N, C-alpha and C. Protein backbone atom coordinates (compact mmCIF):
# COMPACT_ATOMS: atom_id res chain seq x y z
N MET A 1 98.05 58.97 157.54
CA MET A 1 97.02 59.20 156.53
C MET A 1 96.50 57.85 156.11
N THR A 2 95.26 57.57 156.49
CA THR A 2 94.75 56.23 156.20
C THR A 2 93.41 56.23 155.49
N ASP A 3 92.72 57.33 155.45
CA ASP A 3 91.46 57.31 154.71
C ASP A 3 91.21 58.66 154.05
N LYS A 4 90.17 58.68 153.22
CA LYS A 4 89.84 59.88 152.45
C LYS A 4 89.62 61.08 153.36
N ALA A 5 88.93 60.88 154.49
CA ALA A 5 88.60 61.99 155.36
C ALA A 5 89.86 62.70 155.87
N GLN A 6 90.89 61.93 156.17
CA GLN A 6 92.12 62.54 156.63
C GLN A 6 92.88 63.18 155.47
N PHE A 7 92.63 62.71 154.28
CA PHE A 7 93.34 63.21 153.11
C PHE A 7 92.73 64.51 152.61
N LEU A 8 91.41 64.52 152.40
CA LEU A 8 90.74 65.67 151.82
C LEU A 8 89.27 65.65 152.23
N ASP A 9 88.85 66.64 153.02
CA ASP A 9 87.45 66.67 153.42
C ASP A 9 86.58 67.25 152.31
N ASP A 10 85.27 67.27 152.53
CA ASP A 10 84.34 67.73 151.49
C ASP A 10 84.62 69.17 151.06
N GLN A 11 84.90 70.05 152.03
CA GLN A 11 85.20 71.44 151.70
C GLN A 11 86.49 71.54 150.90
N GLY A 12 87.49 70.78 151.30
CA GLY A 12 88.75 70.76 150.57
C GLY A 12 88.55 70.27 149.14
N GLU A 13 87.73 69.25 148.99
CA GLU A 13 87.45 68.74 147.64
C GLU A 13 86.77 69.81 146.79
N LYS A 14 85.82 70.54 147.37
CA LYS A 14 85.16 71.63 146.64
C LYS A 14 86.16 72.70 146.21
N GLU A 15 87.11 73.01 147.07
CA GLU A 15 88.12 74.02 146.76
C GLU A 15 89.06 73.55 145.65
N VAL A 16 89.38 72.28 145.64
CA VAL A 16 90.23 71.72 144.58
C VAL A 16 89.48 71.79 143.25
N ILE A 17 88.21 71.41 143.25
CA ILE A 17 87.42 71.45 142.02
C ILE A 17 87.28 72.90 141.54
N GLU A 18 87.11 73.83 142.45
CA GLU A 18 87.02 75.23 142.06
C GLU A 18 88.35 75.72 141.47
N ALA A 19 89.46 75.27 142.02
CA ALA A 19 90.77 75.63 141.46
C ALA A 19 90.89 75.12 140.03
N ILE A 20 90.41 73.91 139.78
CA ILE A 20 90.42 73.37 138.43
C ILE A 20 89.58 74.25 137.51
N ARG A 21 88.39 74.60 137.95
CA ARG A 21 87.50 75.43 137.13
C ARG A 21 88.12 76.79 136.83
N GLN A 22 88.73 77.40 137.84
CA GLN A 22 89.35 78.71 137.64
C GLN A 22 90.52 78.62 136.67
N ALA A 23 91.34 77.58 136.80
CA ALA A 23 92.47 77.41 135.89
C ALA A 23 91.98 77.18 134.47
N GLU A 24 90.95 76.35 134.32
CA GLU A 24 90.45 76.02 132.98
C GLU A 24 89.69 77.17 132.33
N ASN A 25 89.24 78.14 133.11
CA ASN A 25 88.57 79.32 132.53
C ASN A 25 89.53 80.17 131.71
N LYS A 26 90.85 79.94 131.87
CA LYS A 26 91.85 80.77 131.20
C LYS A 26 92.59 80.00 130.10
N THR A 27 92.17 78.76 129.83
CA THR A 27 92.91 77.93 128.88
C THR A 27 91.98 76.94 128.18
N SER A 28 92.46 76.45 127.06
CA SER A 28 91.75 75.36 126.39
C SER A 28 92.20 74.01 126.96
N GLY A 29 93.19 74.03 127.84
CA GLY A 29 93.69 72.81 128.45
C GLY A 29 92.73 72.22 129.45
N GLU A 30 92.99 70.98 129.82
CA GLU A 30 92.17 70.25 130.77
C GLU A 30 93.03 69.74 131.91
N ILE A 31 92.52 69.87 133.14
CA ILE A 31 93.21 69.40 134.33
C ILE A 31 92.29 68.46 135.07
N ARG A 32 92.81 67.31 135.47
CA ARG A 32 92.05 66.36 136.28
C ARG A 32 92.89 65.96 137.48
N VAL A 33 92.21 65.58 138.54
CA VAL A 33 92.86 65.01 139.72
C VAL A 33 92.23 63.63 139.92
N HIS A 34 93.09 62.63 140.09
CA HIS A 34 92.64 61.26 140.36
C HIS A 34 93.26 60.80 141.65
N VAL A 35 92.41 60.26 142.55
CA VAL A 35 92.85 59.85 143.88
C VAL A 35 92.48 58.40 144.10
N GLU A 36 93.42 57.65 144.64
CA GLU A 36 93.12 56.28 145.09
C GLU A 36 93.99 56.00 146.30
N ALA A 37 93.59 55.03 147.09
CA ALA A 37 94.31 54.72 148.32
C ALA A 37 95.70 54.16 148.02
N HIS A 38 95.77 53.25 147.06
CA HIS A 38 97.03 52.58 146.77
C HIS A 38 97.27 52.52 145.26
N CYS A 39 98.52 52.63 144.91
CA CYS A 39 98.95 52.34 143.55
C CYS A 39 99.01 50.81 143.46
N PRO A 40 98.49 50.23 142.39
CA PRO A 40 98.53 48.75 142.30
C PRO A 40 99.96 48.23 142.51
N LYS A 41 100.04 47.09 143.17
CA LYS A 41 101.35 46.50 143.48
C LYS A 41 102.19 46.35 142.23
N GLU A 42 103.48 46.57 142.42
CA GLU A 42 104.47 46.43 141.35
C GLU A 42 104.23 47.38 140.18
N THR A 43 103.50 48.47 140.43
CA THR A 43 103.28 49.49 139.42
C THR A 43 103.84 50.80 139.94
N LYS A 44 104.64 51.45 139.14
CA LYS A 44 105.18 52.75 139.52
C LYS A 44 104.10 53.81 139.35
N PRO A 45 104.10 54.86 140.20
CA PRO A 45 103.09 55.92 140.07
C PRO A 45 103.07 56.54 138.68
N GLU A 46 104.21 56.71 138.03
CA GLU A 46 104.21 57.30 136.70
C GLU A 46 103.51 56.40 135.69
N ASN A 47 103.66 55.08 135.85
CA ASN A 47 102.96 54.16 134.95
C ASN A 47 101.47 54.12 135.24
N ARG A 48 101.12 54.14 136.53
CA ARG A 48 99.70 54.14 136.90
C ARG A 48 99.05 55.44 136.41
N SER A 49 99.73 56.56 136.55
CA SER A 49 99.13 57.83 136.12
C SER A 49 98.89 57.83 134.62
N LYS A 50 99.79 57.24 133.86
CA LYS A 50 99.60 57.14 132.41
C LYS A 50 98.38 56.28 132.09
N ALA A 51 98.23 55.18 132.80
CA ALA A 51 97.06 54.30 132.58
C ALA A 51 95.77 55.03 132.93
N VAL A 52 95.75 55.73 134.06
CA VAL A 52 94.55 56.49 134.46
C VAL A 52 94.27 57.60 133.45
N PHE A 53 95.30 58.25 132.97
CA PHE A 53 95.16 59.30 131.96
C PHE A 53 94.38 58.76 130.76
N HIS A 54 94.74 57.57 130.32
CA HIS A 54 94.04 56.95 129.18
C HIS A 54 92.64 56.48 129.56
N GLU A 55 92.48 55.91 130.76
CA GLU A 55 91.15 55.48 131.24
C GLU A 55 90.17 56.64 131.28
N LEU A 56 90.66 57.81 131.68
CA LEU A 56 89.80 59.00 131.78
C LEU A 56 89.63 59.70 130.44
N LYS A 57 90.19 59.13 129.39
CA LYS A 57 90.10 59.66 128.03
C LYS A 57 90.73 61.04 127.90
N MET A 58 91.74 61.30 128.74
CA MET A 58 92.42 62.58 128.68
C MET A 58 93.29 62.71 127.46
N ASP A 59 93.60 61.58 126.84
CA ASP A 59 94.40 61.59 125.62
C ASP A 59 93.56 61.96 124.39
N ALA A 60 92.27 62.19 124.59
CA ALA A 60 91.38 62.51 123.49
C ALA A 60 91.14 64.02 123.33
N THR A 61 91.81 64.84 124.13
CA THR A 61 91.62 66.28 123.97
C THR A 61 92.18 66.73 122.63
N GLU A 62 91.53 67.70 122.04
CA GLU A 62 91.88 68.13 120.69
C GLU A 62 93.34 68.56 120.55
N LEU A 63 93.85 69.31 121.52
CA LEU A 63 95.21 69.85 121.44
C LEU A 63 96.22 69.05 122.27
N HIS A 64 95.80 67.91 122.79
CA HIS A 64 96.67 67.07 123.62
C HIS A 64 97.31 67.89 124.74
N ASN A 65 96.44 68.64 125.43
CA ASN A 65 96.93 69.54 126.48
C ASN A 65 96.28 69.24 127.83
N GLY A 66 96.10 67.96 128.10
CA GLY A 66 95.57 67.55 129.39
C GLY A 66 96.67 67.32 130.41
N VAL A 67 96.35 67.58 131.68
CA VAL A 67 97.27 67.36 132.78
C VAL A 67 96.53 66.58 133.86
N LEU A 68 97.11 65.46 134.27
CA LEU A 68 96.54 64.64 135.34
C LEU A 68 97.44 64.70 136.55
N ILE A 69 96.84 65.00 137.71
CA ILE A 69 97.55 64.89 138.98
C ILE A 69 97.02 63.62 139.63
N TYR A 70 97.90 62.64 139.74
CA TYR A 70 97.55 61.32 140.27
C TYR A 70 98.09 61.19 141.69
N LEU A 71 97.24 60.72 142.63
CA LEU A 71 97.68 60.53 144.01
C LEU A 71 97.25 59.17 144.52
N ALA A 72 98.20 58.45 145.10
CA ALA A 72 97.91 57.23 145.86
C ALA A 72 98.21 57.59 147.31
N PHE A 73 97.17 58.06 148.03
CA PHE A 73 97.42 58.74 149.30
C PHE A 73 97.93 57.84 150.41
N ASN A 74 97.49 56.60 150.51
CA ASN A 74 98.04 55.73 151.56
C ASN A 74 99.47 55.34 151.29
N ASP A 75 99.86 55.32 150.03
CA ASP A 75 101.24 55.01 149.66
C ASP A 75 102.13 56.24 149.71
N GLN A 76 101.52 57.40 149.90
CA GLN A 76 102.23 58.68 149.90
C GLN A 76 103.01 58.88 148.60
N ASN A 77 102.35 58.59 147.49
CA ASN A 77 102.92 58.78 146.16
C ASN A 77 102.02 59.64 145.32
N PHE A 78 102.62 60.43 144.45
CA PHE A 78 101.84 61.16 143.47
C PHE A 78 102.70 61.41 142.25
N TYR A 79 102.03 61.72 141.15
CA TYR A 79 102.74 61.94 139.89
C TYR A 79 101.90 62.89 139.04
N ILE A 80 102.56 63.76 138.33
CA ILE A 80 101.88 64.70 137.42
C ILE A 80 102.18 64.24 136.00
N PHE A 81 101.12 63.95 135.26
CA PHE A 81 101.27 63.44 133.89
C PHE A 81 100.67 64.46 132.93
N GLY A 82 101.51 64.96 132.03
CA GLY A 82 101.05 65.90 131.02
C GLY A 82 101.08 65.25 129.64
N ASP A 83 100.06 65.55 128.84
CA ASP A 83 99.99 65.03 127.47
C ASP A 83 101.08 65.68 126.61
N ASP A 84 101.29 65.13 125.43
CA ASP A 84 102.37 65.59 124.56
C ASP A 84 102.30 67.07 124.22
N GLY A 85 101.10 67.59 124.00
CA GLY A 85 100.96 69.00 123.61
C GLY A 85 101.53 69.95 124.64
N ILE A 86 101.23 69.71 125.91
CA ILE A 86 101.76 70.58 126.96
C ILE A 86 103.20 70.23 127.29
N ASN A 87 103.55 68.95 127.25
CA ASN A 87 104.94 68.56 127.53
C ASN A 87 105.92 69.19 126.56
N ASP A 88 105.50 69.36 125.32
CA ASP A 88 106.36 69.97 124.31
C ASP A 88 106.58 71.46 124.55
N LYS A 89 105.77 72.08 125.38
CA LYS A 89 105.82 73.53 125.58
C LYS A 89 106.46 73.98 126.88
N VAL A 90 106.29 73.19 127.94
CA VAL A 90 106.78 73.63 129.24
C VAL A 90 108.29 73.44 129.36
N PRO A 91 108.94 74.22 130.23
CA PRO A 91 110.38 74.02 130.46
C PRO A 91 110.67 72.59 130.92
N ASP A 92 111.86 72.13 130.67
CA ASP A 92 112.23 70.74 130.98
C ASP A 92 112.01 70.37 132.44
N ASP A 93 112.20 71.32 133.35
CA ASP A 93 112.08 71.01 134.77
C ASP A 93 110.71 71.41 135.36
N PHE A 94 109.76 71.72 134.50
CA PHE A 94 108.49 72.25 135.00
C PHE A 94 107.75 71.26 135.90
N TRP A 95 107.60 70.02 135.46
CA TRP A 95 106.82 69.07 136.27
C TRP A 95 107.53 68.77 137.59
N GLU A 96 108.85 68.74 137.57
CA GLU A 96 109.59 68.50 138.81
C GLU A 96 109.43 69.68 139.77
N SER A 97 109.48 70.91 139.24
CA SER A 97 109.31 72.08 140.12
C SER A 97 107.89 72.14 140.66
N THR A 98 106.92 71.74 139.86
CA THR A 98 105.53 71.68 140.33
C THR A 98 105.38 70.62 141.41
N ARG A 99 106.00 69.47 141.17
CA ARG A 99 105.98 68.39 142.18
C ARG A 99 106.55 68.89 143.50
N ASP A 100 107.67 69.62 143.44
CA ASP A 100 108.33 70.09 144.66
C ASP A 100 107.44 71.05 145.44
N VAL A 101 106.74 71.93 144.75
CA VAL A 101 105.83 72.87 145.41
C VAL A 101 104.70 72.10 146.10
N MET A 102 104.15 71.13 145.40
CA MET A 102 103.07 70.33 145.97
C MET A 102 103.56 69.52 147.16
N GLN A 103 104.71 68.90 146.99
CA GLN A 103 105.26 68.04 148.03
C GLN A 103 105.54 68.80 149.32
N ALA A 104 105.96 70.04 149.20
CA ALA A 104 106.21 70.86 150.39
C ALA A 104 104.93 71.02 151.20
N GLU A 105 103.81 71.21 150.55
CA GLU A 105 102.52 71.32 151.26
C GLU A 105 102.08 69.97 151.79
N PHE A 106 102.25 68.91 150.99
CA PHE A 106 101.85 67.57 151.43
C PHE A 106 102.60 67.18 152.70
N ARG A 107 103.86 67.56 152.79
CA ARG A 107 104.66 67.18 153.97
C ARG A 107 104.13 67.81 155.25
N THR A 108 103.46 68.96 155.13
CA THR A 108 102.87 69.59 156.30
C THR A 108 101.47 69.06 156.59
N GLY A 109 100.98 68.18 155.72
CA GLY A 109 99.64 67.62 155.88
C GLY A 109 98.56 68.42 155.19
N ASP A 110 98.93 69.48 154.48
CA ASP A 110 97.93 70.31 153.80
C ASP A 110 97.80 69.86 152.34
N PHE A 111 97.04 68.80 152.14
CA PHE A 111 96.90 68.22 150.81
C PHE A 111 96.09 69.11 149.87
N LYS A 112 95.10 69.79 150.42
CA LYS A 112 94.32 70.70 149.60
C LYS A 112 95.21 71.80 149.04
N ALA A 113 96.03 72.40 149.88
CA ALA A 113 96.92 73.48 149.41
C ALA A 113 97.90 72.96 148.38
N GLY A 114 98.43 71.76 148.57
CA GLY A 114 99.34 71.18 147.61
C GLY A 114 98.69 70.97 146.26
N LEU A 115 97.48 70.43 146.29
CA LEU A 115 96.75 70.21 145.03
C LEU A 115 96.45 71.54 144.34
N VAL A 116 95.97 72.51 145.09
CA VAL A 116 95.61 73.81 144.52
C VAL A 116 96.86 74.47 143.92
N LYS A 117 97.97 74.41 144.61
CA LYS A 117 99.19 75.02 144.07
C LYS A 117 99.64 74.31 142.79
N GLY A 118 99.54 73.00 142.76
CA GLY A 118 99.88 72.26 141.54
C GLY A 118 98.96 72.60 140.39
N ILE A 119 97.67 72.68 140.68
CA ILE A 119 96.67 73.06 139.67
C ILE A 119 96.95 74.46 139.15
N ASP A 120 97.23 75.37 140.06
CA ASP A 120 97.52 76.76 139.65
C ASP A 120 98.75 76.84 138.75
N LYS A 121 99.81 76.12 139.13
CA LYS A 121 101.02 76.15 138.30
C LYS A 121 100.76 75.55 136.92
N ALA A 122 100.08 74.43 136.87
CA ALA A 122 99.76 73.81 135.59
C ALA A 122 98.85 74.74 134.78
N GLY A 123 97.89 75.36 135.45
CA GLY A 123 96.97 76.27 134.77
C GLY A 123 97.68 77.47 134.17
N GLU A 124 98.68 78.00 134.85
CA GLU A 124 99.43 79.14 134.30
C GLU A 124 100.16 78.76 133.03
N GLN A 125 100.78 77.58 133.02
CA GLN A 125 101.47 77.13 131.81
C GLN A 125 100.48 76.85 130.69
N LEU A 126 99.36 76.24 131.03
CA LEU A 126 98.33 75.98 130.02
C LEU A 126 97.81 77.29 129.44
N LYS A 127 97.59 78.28 130.32
CA LYS A 127 97.10 79.58 129.85
C LYS A 127 98.11 80.23 128.91
N THR A 128 99.39 80.13 129.24
CA THR A 128 100.44 80.72 128.41
C THR A 128 100.50 80.07 127.03
N HIS A 129 100.44 78.77 127.00
CA HIS A 129 100.65 78.04 125.75
C HIS A 129 99.36 77.67 125.02
N PHE A 130 98.25 77.62 125.75
CA PHE A 130 96.96 77.25 125.18
C PHE A 130 95.87 78.17 125.72
N PRO A 131 95.91 79.45 125.34
CA PRO A 131 94.90 80.38 125.88
C PRO A 131 93.49 79.94 125.48
N VAL A 132 92.55 80.35 126.30
CA VAL A 132 91.16 79.99 126.04
C VAL A 132 90.69 80.65 124.75
N ALA A 133 89.93 79.92 123.96
CA ALA A 133 89.36 80.44 122.72
C ALA A 133 87.89 80.80 122.96
N ASP A 134 87.36 81.65 122.09
CA ASP A 134 85.96 82.06 122.24
C ASP A 134 85.01 80.86 122.19
N ASP A 135 85.35 79.87 121.39
CA ASP A 135 84.47 78.71 121.23
C ASP A 135 84.91 77.52 122.08
N ASP A 136 85.72 77.77 123.11
CA ASP A 136 86.24 76.69 123.95
C ASP A 136 85.11 75.98 124.68
N ILE A 137 85.23 74.67 124.75
CA ILE A 137 84.30 73.88 125.55
C ILE A 137 85.12 73.08 126.57
N ASN A 138 84.50 72.80 127.70
CA ASN A 138 85.14 71.99 128.72
C ASN A 138 85.01 70.54 128.26
N GLU A 139 86.12 69.96 127.81
CA GLU A 139 86.09 68.62 127.22
C GLU A 139 85.98 67.50 128.24
N LEU A 140 86.39 67.76 129.48
CA LEU A 140 86.42 66.71 130.51
C LEU A 140 85.84 67.22 131.82
N SER A 141 85.37 66.32 132.63
CA SER A 141 84.83 66.65 133.93
C SER A 141 85.89 67.30 134.81
N ASP A 142 85.45 68.21 135.68
CA ASP A 142 86.35 68.83 136.65
C ASP A 142 86.35 68.09 137.98
N GLU A 143 85.45 67.13 138.12
CA GLU A 143 85.33 66.39 139.39
C GLU A 143 86.57 65.54 139.64
N ILE A 144 86.86 65.30 140.89
CA ILE A 144 87.96 64.41 141.26
C ILE A 144 87.51 62.99 141.01
N SER A 145 88.31 62.24 140.26
CA SER A 145 87.97 60.84 140.02
C SER A 145 88.67 59.98 141.07
N ARG A 146 88.12 58.81 141.28
CA ARG A 146 88.66 57.92 142.32
C ARG A 146 88.81 56.51 141.78
N GLY A 147 89.86 55.87 142.26
CA GLY A 147 90.12 54.49 141.86
C GLY A 147 89.79 53.53 142.94
């Protein structure tokens, strides 16, 4: 895996964005995916994901219920970062179990399926703990951001 085309083609990207939209239609929570080739040297993926979370202003959601899926595809690293509002609600092993589901797909080379499954799992928890309100607005872009 050396470039974006091998990682996620245009159709795959559209399907990931649609999965985000579908998940967010059922919750007040926000889900973003951020992709970059490499995690900066001497930075752990969990630290980089936290920095990207803040750069994307995901910490500004009203209910602190944002979820970022961060991927450094050439490094074969990823991390799921949830804001305090959702972290306080999900089971202790939720992010690890979500990671495992995604990783199983990534190992077969199906990155789109891994992302969609992770988005779906996060969306279900967000829907359970932060159901969509009548006056809900989409606070953040659904597009995949890139570093």
